[in-house]
């Protein structure tokens, strides 16, 4: 996780960061955080989704949405409107 965070930080220092690389790093971070049961995975996944939207690539948007595929993404019986909206998009 730390390596992803460092890479994202370094990318943000560039005058013209590569949005595709930014997307890949944030998806990787989201997956790593989710695997560690760290709730920050949501922020990383939604950031990746925002990048996918800005690029205009629906396939990337699907990849960002699929970071929520884990059964632990929401508490049992609760509907997460943000995740539902992203999946419907």
C-alpha atoms as a PDB file:
ATOM      1  CA  UNK A   1       0.000   0.000   0.000  1.00  0.00           C
ATOM      2  CA  UNK A   2       2.772   2.380   0.872  1.00  0.00           C
ATOM      3  CA  UNK A   3       4.348   1.894  -2.556  1.00  0.00           C
ATOM      4  CA  UNK A   4       1.075   2.769  -4.293  1.00  0.00           C
ATOM      5  CA  UNK A   5       0.672   5.838  -2.096  1.00  0.00           C
ATOM      6  CA  UNK A   6       4.230   6.958  -2.832  1.00  0.00           C
ATOM      7  CA  UNK A   7       3.783   6.403  -6.559  1.00  0.00           C
ATOM      8  CA  UNK A   8       0.553   8.425  -6.548  1.00  0.00           C
ATOM      9  CA  UNK A   9       2.291  11.195  -4.611  1.00  0.00           C
ATOM     10  CA  UNK A  10       5.156  11.256  -7.103  1.00  0.00           C
ATOM     11  CA  UNK A  11       2.747  11.275 -10.043  1.00  0.00           C
ATOM     12  CA  UNK A  12       0.920  14.268  -8.562  1.00  0.00           C
ATOM     13  CA  UNK A  13       4.189  16.238  -8.634  1.00  0.00           C
ATOM     14  CA  UNK A  14       4.379  16.059 -12.426  1.00  0.00           C
ATOM     15  CA  UNK A  15       3.242  19.030 -14.477  1.00  0.00           C
ATOM     16  CA  UNK A  16       1.149  16.735 -16.672  1.00  0.00           C
ATOM     17  CA  UNK A  17       0.462  13.454 -14.850  1.00  0.00           C
ATOM     18  CA  UNK A  18      -0.622  10.515 -16.992  1.00  0.00           C
ATOM     19  CA  UNK A  19      -4.300   9.898 -16.156  1.00  0.00           C
ATOM     20  CA  UNK A  20      -4.129   6.246 -17.205  1.00  0.00           C
ATOM     21  CA  UNK A  21      -1.189   5.605 -14.879  1.00  0.00           C
ATOM     22  CA  UNK A  22      -3.009   7.502 -12.124  1.00  0.00           C
ATOM     23  CA  UNK A  23      -6.045   5.278 -12.682  1.00  0.00           C
ATOM     24  CA  UNK A  24      -3.991   2.082 -12.543  1.00  0.00           C
ATOM     25  CA  UNK A  25      -2.250   3.163  -9.343  1.00  0.00           C
ATOM     26  CA  UNK A  26      -5.514   4.063  -7.636  1.00  0.00           C
ATOM     27  CA  UNK A  27      -7.181   0.791  -8.618  1.00  0.00           C
ATOM     28  CA  UNK A  28      -4.139  -1.082  -7.331  1.00  0.00           C
ATOM     29  CA  UNK A  29      -4.266   0.905  -4.104  1.00  0.00           C
ATOM     30  CA  UNK A  30      -7.992   0.227  -3.715  1.00  0.00           C
ATOM     31  CA  UNK A  31      -7.474  -3.509  -4.152  1.00  0.00           C
ATOM     32  CA  UNK A  32      -4.563  -3.569  -1.704  1.00  0.00           C
ATOM     33  CA  UNK A  33      -6.469  -1.549   0.888  1.00  0.00           C
ATOM     34  CA  UNK A  34      -9.560  -3.727   0.520  1.00  0.00           C
ATOM     35  CA  UNK A  35      -7.445  -6.861   0.975  1.00  0.00           C
ATOM     36  CA  UNK A  36      -6.128  -5.333   4.202  1.00  0.00           C
ATOM     37  CA  UNK A  37      -9.704  -4.522   5.345  1.00  0.00           C
ATOM     38  CA  UNK A  38      -8.833  -0.832   5.272  1.00  0.00           C
ATOM     39  CA  UNK A  39     -11.894   1.345   4.673  1.00  0.00           C
ATOM     40  CA  UNK A  40      -9.786   3.831   2.703  1.00  0.00           C
ATOM     41  CA  UNK A  41     -10.190   1.491  -0.279  1.00  0.00           C
ATOM     42  CA  UNK A  42     -13.486   3.273  -0.999  1.00  0.00           C
ATOM     43  CA  UNK A  43     -11.773   6.631  -1.476  1.00  0.00           C
ATOM     44  CA  UNK A  44      -9.193   5.083  -3.801  1.00  0.00           C
ATOM     45  CA  UNK A  45     -11.869   3.252  -5.803  1.00  0.00           C
ATOM     46  CA  UNK A  46     -14.040   6.349  -6.171  1.00  0.00           C
ATOM     47  CA  UNK A  47     -10.959   8.368  -7.186  1.00  0.00           C
ATOM     48  CA  UNK A  48     -10.237   5.764  -9.876  1.00  0.00           C
ATOM     49  CA  UNK A  49     -13.854   6.001 -11.045  1.00  0.00           C
ATOM     50  CA  UNK A  50     -13.568   9.795 -11.294  1.00  0.00           C
ATOM     51  CA  UNK A  51     -10.448   9.432 -13.423  1.00  0.00           C
ATOM     52  CA  UNK A  52     -12.208   6.899 -15.669  1.00  0.00           C
ATOM     53  CA  UNK A  53     -15.075   9.354 -16.138  1.00  0.00           C
ATOM     54  CA  UNK A  54     -12.689  12.196 -16.977  1.00  0.00           C
ATOM     55  CA  UNK A  55     -10.940  10.009 -19.554  1.00  0.00           C
ATOM     56  CA  UNK A  56     -14.325   8.921 -20.916  1.00  0.00           C
ATOM     57  CA  UNK A  57     -13.449   5.227 -20.858  1.00  0.00           C
ATOM     58  CA  UNK A  58     -16.373   2.996 -19.824  1.00  0.00           C
ATOM     59  CA  UNK A  59     -14.120  -0.071 -19.517  1.00  0.00           C
ATOM     60  CA  UNK A  60     -12.006   1.701 -16.916  1.00  0.00           C
ATOM     61  CA  UNK A  61     -15.160   2.754 -15.088  1.00  0.00           C
ATOM     62  CA  UNK A  62     -16.203  -0.900 -14.917  1.00  0.00           C
ATOM     63  CA  UNK A  63     -12.781  -1.839 -13.518  1.00  0.00           C
ATOM     64  CA  UNK A  64     -13.095   0.826 -10.833  1.00  0.00           C
ATOM     65  CA  UNK A  65     -16.593  -0.360  -9.952  1.00  0.00           C
ATOM     66  CA  UNK A  66     -15.437  -3.965  -9.730  1.00  0.00           C
ATOM     67  CA  UNK A  67     -13.116  -3.098  -6.859  1.00  0.00           C
ATOM     68  CA  UNK A  68     -16.316  -3.275  -4.801  1.00  0.00           C
ATOM     69  CA  UNK A  69     -16.936  -6.930  -5.707  1.00  0.00           C
ATOM     70  CA  UNK A  70     -15.902  -8.171  -2.271  1.00  0.00           C
ATOM     71  CA  UNK A  71     -18.707  -9.352   0.030  1.00  0.00           C
ATOM     72  CA  UNK A  72     -17.162  -7.175   2.728  1.00  0.00           C
ATOM     73  CA  UNK A  73     -17.715  -3.900   0.905  1.00  0.00           C
ATOM     74  CA  UNK A  74     -20.947  -3.192   2.764  1.00  0.00           C
ATOM     75  CA  UNK A  75     -22.417  -4.348   6.022  1.00  0.00           C
ATOM     76  CA  UNK A  76     -24.930  -7.137   5.644  1.00  0.00           C
ATOM     77  CA  UNK A  77     -28.418  -5.806   5.076  1.00  0.00           C
ATOM     78  CA  UNK A  78     -27.285  -2.269   4.252  1.00  0.00           C
ATOM     79  CA  UNK A  79     -27.459  -0.761   0.807  1.00  0.00           C
ATOM     80  CA  UNK A  80     -24.557   1.488  -0.103  1.00  0.00           C
ATOM     81  CA  UNK A  81     -26.070   4.102  -2.396  1.00  0.00           C
ATOM     82  CA  UNK A  82     -22.689   5.376  -3.613  1.00  0.00           C
ATOM     83  CA  UNK A  83     -21.531   1.917  -4.660  1.00  0.00           C
ATOM     84  CA  UNK A  84     -24.936   1.073  -6.135  1.00  0.00           C
ATOM     85  CA  UNK A  85     -24.850   4.280  -8.175  1.00  0.00           C
ATOM     86  CA  UNK A  86     -21.384   3.511  -9.477  1.00  0.00           C
ATOM     87  CA  UNK A  87     -22.357  -0.041 -10.413  1.00  0.00           C
ATOM     88  CA  UNK A  88     -25.486   1.201 -12.191  1.00  0.00           C
ATOM     89  CA  UNK A  89     -23.483   3.797 -14.085  1.00  0.00           C
END
